[in-house]
């Protein structure tokens, strides 16, 4: 996955349910670094990987759609 990437974020600690954000970095120290909109402003937020779900906004292309089969 190339970063930054647009994602949907779920985190119960902050009460975030499907908020749009940009994943900037995945730290080996155990957190996601994201830009997240709060009100009218965008803030850089560090979210613990263990308590956060990050879903790519763009769906992946299915393997069957990528492979061309000659008949």
N, C-alpha and C. Protein backbone atom coordinates (compact mmCIF):
# COMPACT_ATOMS: atom_id res chain seq x y z
N UNK A 1 0.84 -1.17 0.00
CA UNK A 1 0.00 0.00 0.00
C UNK A 1 0.90 1.24 0.00
N UNK A 2 0.60 2.13 -0.91
CA UNK A 2 1.36 3.38 -0.97
C UNK A 2 0.71 4.42 -0.07
N UNK A 3 1.53 5.11 0.69
CA UNK A 3 1.04 6.13 1.61
C UNK A 3 1.39 7.51 1.06
N UNK A 4 0.62 8.52 1.30
CA UNK A 4 -0.64 8.54 2.04
C UNK A 4 -1.77 7.92 1.22
N UNK A 5 -2.79 7.44 1.93
CA UNK A 5 -3.94 6.83 1.29
C UNK A 5 -5.21 7.24 2.04
N UNK A 6 -6.29 7.48 1.31
CA UNK A 6 -7.57 7.85 1.92
C UNK A 6 -8.19 6.61 2.57
N UNK A 7 -8.63 6.76 3.83
CA UNK A 7 -9.16 5.63 4.59
C UNK A 7 -10.41 6.03 5.37
N UNK A 8 -11.14 5.01 5.81
CA UNK A 8 -12.23 5.16 6.77
C UNK A 8 -11.68 4.65 8.10
N UNK A 9 -11.94 5.37 9.18
CA UNK A 9 -11.33 5.06 10.48
C UNK A 9 -12.41 4.77 11.51
N UNK A 10 -12.20 3.69 12.27
CA UNK A 10 -13.07 3.32 13.38
C UNK A 10 -12.21 3.22 14.64
N UNK A 11 -12.59 3.94 15.69
CA UNK A 11 -11.86 3.89 16.96
C UNK A 11 -12.84 4.21 18.08
N UNK A 12 -13.11 3.22 18.95
CA UNK A 12 -14.10 3.39 20.02
C UNK A 12 -13.66 4.40 21.08
N UNK A 13 -12.37 4.50 21.33
CA UNK A 13 -11.87 5.42 22.36
C UNK A 13 -12.27 6.86 22.03
N UNK A 14 -12.14 7.25 20.76
CA UNK A 14 -12.51 8.60 20.34
C UNK A 14 -13.94 8.69 19.84
N UNK A 15 -14.63 7.55 19.76
CA UNK A 15 -15.99 7.55 19.25
C UNK A 15 -16.06 7.78 17.75
N UNK A 16 -15.05 7.35 17.04
CA UNK A 16 -14.97 7.53 15.59
C UNK A 16 -15.56 6.29 14.92
N UNK A 17 -16.54 6.52 14.05
CA UNK A 17 -17.18 5.40 13.34
C UNK A 17 -17.23 5.72 11.85
N UNK A 18 -16.25 5.26 11.11
CA UNK A 18 -16.24 5.46 9.67
C UNK A 18 -15.89 6.85 9.23
N UNK A 19 -15.12 7.57 10.03
CA UNK A 19 -14.69 8.92 9.64
C UNK A 19 -13.65 8.85 8.53
N UNK A 20 -13.75 9.78 7.61
CA UNK A 20 -12.78 9.83 6.51
C UNK A 20 -11.51 10.51 6.99
N UNK A 21 -10.39 9.96 6.57
CA UNK A 21 -9.09 10.53 6.92
C UNK A 21 -8.04 10.09 5.93
N UNK A 22 -6.82 10.50 6.17
CA UNK A 22 -5.69 10.11 5.33
C UNK A 22 -4.66 9.40 6.19
N UNK A 23 -4.36 8.14 5.85
CA UNK A 23 -3.33 7.39 6.54
C UNK A 23 -1.98 7.85 6.01
N UNK A 24 -1.15 8.39 6.91
CA UNK A 24 0.14 8.95 6.52
C UNK A 24 1.29 8.00 6.76
N UNK A 25 1.20 7.22 7.86
CA UNK A 25 2.31 6.37 8.25
C UNK A 25 1.80 5.26 9.16
N UNK A 26 2.47 4.12 9.12
CA UNK A 26 2.21 3.04 10.06
C UNK A 26 3.51 2.84 10.83
N UNK A 27 3.50 3.19 12.10
CA UNK A 27 4.71 3.17 12.91
C UNK A 27 5.00 1.77 13.44
N UNK A 28 6.27 1.37 13.43
CA UNK A 28 6.64 0.09 14.05
C UNK A 28 6.46 0.13 15.57
N UNK A 29 6.18 1.32 16.12
CA UNK A 29 5.95 1.46 17.56
C UNK A 29 4.50 1.18 17.94
N UNK A 30 3.64 0.88 16.94
CA UNK A 30 2.29 0.44 17.24
C UNK A 30 1.19 1.47 17.09
N UNK A 31 1.36 2.43 16.19
CA UNK A 31 0.28 3.39 15.98
C UNK A 31 0.18 3.78 14.51
N UNK A 32 -1.04 4.21 14.13
CA UNK A 32 -1.28 4.80 12.82
C UNK A 32 -1.15 6.31 12.96
N UNK A 33 -0.51 6.94 12.00
CA UNK A 33 -0.46 8.40 11.94
C UNK A 33 -1.43 8.82 10.85
N UNK A 34 -2.46 9.57 11.23
CA UNK A 34 -3.50 9.94 10.28
C UNK A 34 -3.81 11.43 10.37
N UNK A 35 -4.30 11.99 9.27
CA UNK A 35 -4.89 13.31 9.28
C UNK A 35 -6.39 13.10 9.35
N UNK A 36 -7.03 13.73 10.34
CA UNK A 36 -8.44 13.52 10.60
C UNK A 36 -9.11 14.87 10.83
N UNK A 37 -10.30 15.04 10.25
CA UNK A 37 -11.01 16.30 10.38
C UNK A 37 -11.84 16.32 11.66
N UNK A 38 -11.63 17.33 12.48
CA UNK A 38 -12.42 17.59 13.68
C UNK A 38 -13.02 18.98 13.50
N UNK A 39 -14.34 19.06 13.35
CA UNK A 39 -14.96 20.35 13.08
C UNK A 39 -14.55 20.82 11.70
N UNK A 40 -14.00 22.02 11.64
CA UNK A 40 -13.58 22.59 10.36
C UNK A 40 -12.09 22.43 10.09
N UNK A 41 -11.36 21.87 11.05
CA UNK A 41 -9.90 21.80 10.91
C UNK A 41 -9.43 20.36 10.82
N UNK A 42 -8.29 20.19 10.17
CA UNK A 42 -7.65 18.88 10.05
C UNK A 42 -6.53 18.79 11.06
N UNK A 43 -6.51 17.67 11.81
CA UNK A 43 -5.50 17.46 12.84
C UNK A 43 -4.73 16.18 12.58
N UNK A 44 -3.45 16.19 12.92
CA UNK A 44 -2.65 14.98 12.86
C UNK A 44 -2.91 14.21 14.15
N UNK A 45 -3.27 12.92 14.02
CA UNK A 45 -3.65 12.10 15.16
C UNK A 45 -2.85 10.80 15.13
N UNK A 46 -2.40 10.36 16.30
CA UNK A 46 -1.74 9.06 16.43
C UNK A 46 -2.73 8.11 17.09
N UNK A 47 -3.11 7.04 16.38
CA UNK A 47 -4.10 6.10 16.88
C UNK A 47 -3.44 4.74 17.11
N UNK A 48 -3.67 4.12 18.27
CA UNK A 48 -3.07 2.81 18.52
C UNK A 48 -3.63 1.75 17.57
N UNK A 49 -2.75 0.98 16.97
CA UNK A 49 -3.15 -0.05 16.02
C UNK A 49 -4.09 -1.06 16.68
N UNK A 50 -3.83 -1.43 17.92
CA UNK A 50 -4.63 -2.44 18.61
C UNK A 50 -6.09 -2.03 18.82
N UNK A 51 -6.38 -0.73 18.81
CA UNK A 51 -7.73 -0.25 19.08
C UNK A 51 -8.38 0.44 17.88
N UNK A 52 -7.77 0.32 16.71
CA UNK A 52 -8.22 1.08 15.55
C UNK A 52 -8.39 0.17 14.34
N UNK A 53 -9.47 0.40 13.60
CA UNK A 53 -9.69 -0.28 12.32
C UNK A 53 -9.55 0.77 11.23
N UNK A 54 -8.74 0.44 10.22
CA UNK A 54 -8.52 1.34 9.09
C UNK A 54 -8.92 0.60 7.82
N UNK A 55 -9.84 1.18 7.06
CA UNK A 55 -10.35 0.56 5.83
C UNK A 55 -10.08 1.51 4.67
N UNK A 56 -9.48 1.00 3.61
CA UNK A 56 -9.24 1.82 2.43
C UNK A 56 -10.55 2.29 1.82
N UNK A 57 -10.61 3.57 1.42
CA UNK A 57 -11.83 4.11 0.82
C UNK A 57 -12.10 3.52 -0.55
N UNK A 58 -11.07 3.21 -1.29
CA UNK A 58 -11.22 2.63 -2.63
C UNK A 58 -11.18 1.12 -2.53
N UNK A 59 -12.17 0.42 -3.11
CA UNK A 59 -12.17 -1.04 -3.06
C UNK A 59 -11.03 -1.61 -3.90
N UNK A 60 -10.56 -2.79 -3.50
CA UNK A 60 -9.51 -3.49 -4.24
C UNK A 60 -10.11 -4.13 -5.48
N UNK A 61 -9.31 -4.27 -6.51
CA UNK A 61 -9.74 -4.96 -7.71
C UNK A 61 -9.61 -6.45 -7.46
N UNK A 62 -10.68 -7.20 -7.71
CA UNK A 62 -10.67 -8.65 -7.49
C UNK A 62 -9.65 -9.31 -8.40
N UNK A 63 -9.05 -10.40 -7.92
CA UNK A 63 -8.02 -11.11 -8.69
C UNK A 63 -8.57 -11.57 -10.03
N UNK A 64 -9.82 -12.01 -10.08
CA UNK A 64 -10.41 -12.47 -11.33
C UNK A 64 -10.51 -11.34 -12.35
N UNK A 65 -10.66 -10.12 -11.89
CA UNK A 65 -10.75 -8.97 -12.80
C UNK A 65 -9.38 -8.56 -13.33
N UNK A 66 -8.31 -8.91 -12.62
CA UNK A 66 -6.96 -8.53 -13.05
C UNK A 66 -6.38 -9.52 -14.05
N UNK A 67 -6.85 -10.77 -14.02
CA UNK A 67 -6.27 -11.82 -14.87
C UNK A 67 -7.13 -11.96 -16.13
N UNK A 68 -6.47 -11.89 -17.26
CA UNK A 68 -7.16 -12.09 -18.52
C UNK A 68 -6.94 -13.52 -18.98
N UNK A 69 -8.02 -14.24 -19.21
CA UNK A 69 -7.92 -15.64 -19.61
C UNK A 69 -8.28 -15.74 -21.09
N UNK A 70 -7.35 -16.37 -21.87
CA UNK A 70 -7.61 -16.58 -23.29
C UNK A 70 -8.42 -17.85 -23.44
N UNK A 71 -9.41 -17.80 -24.29
CA UNK A 71 -10.25 -18.98 -24.51
C UNK A 71 -10.19 -19.39 -25.94
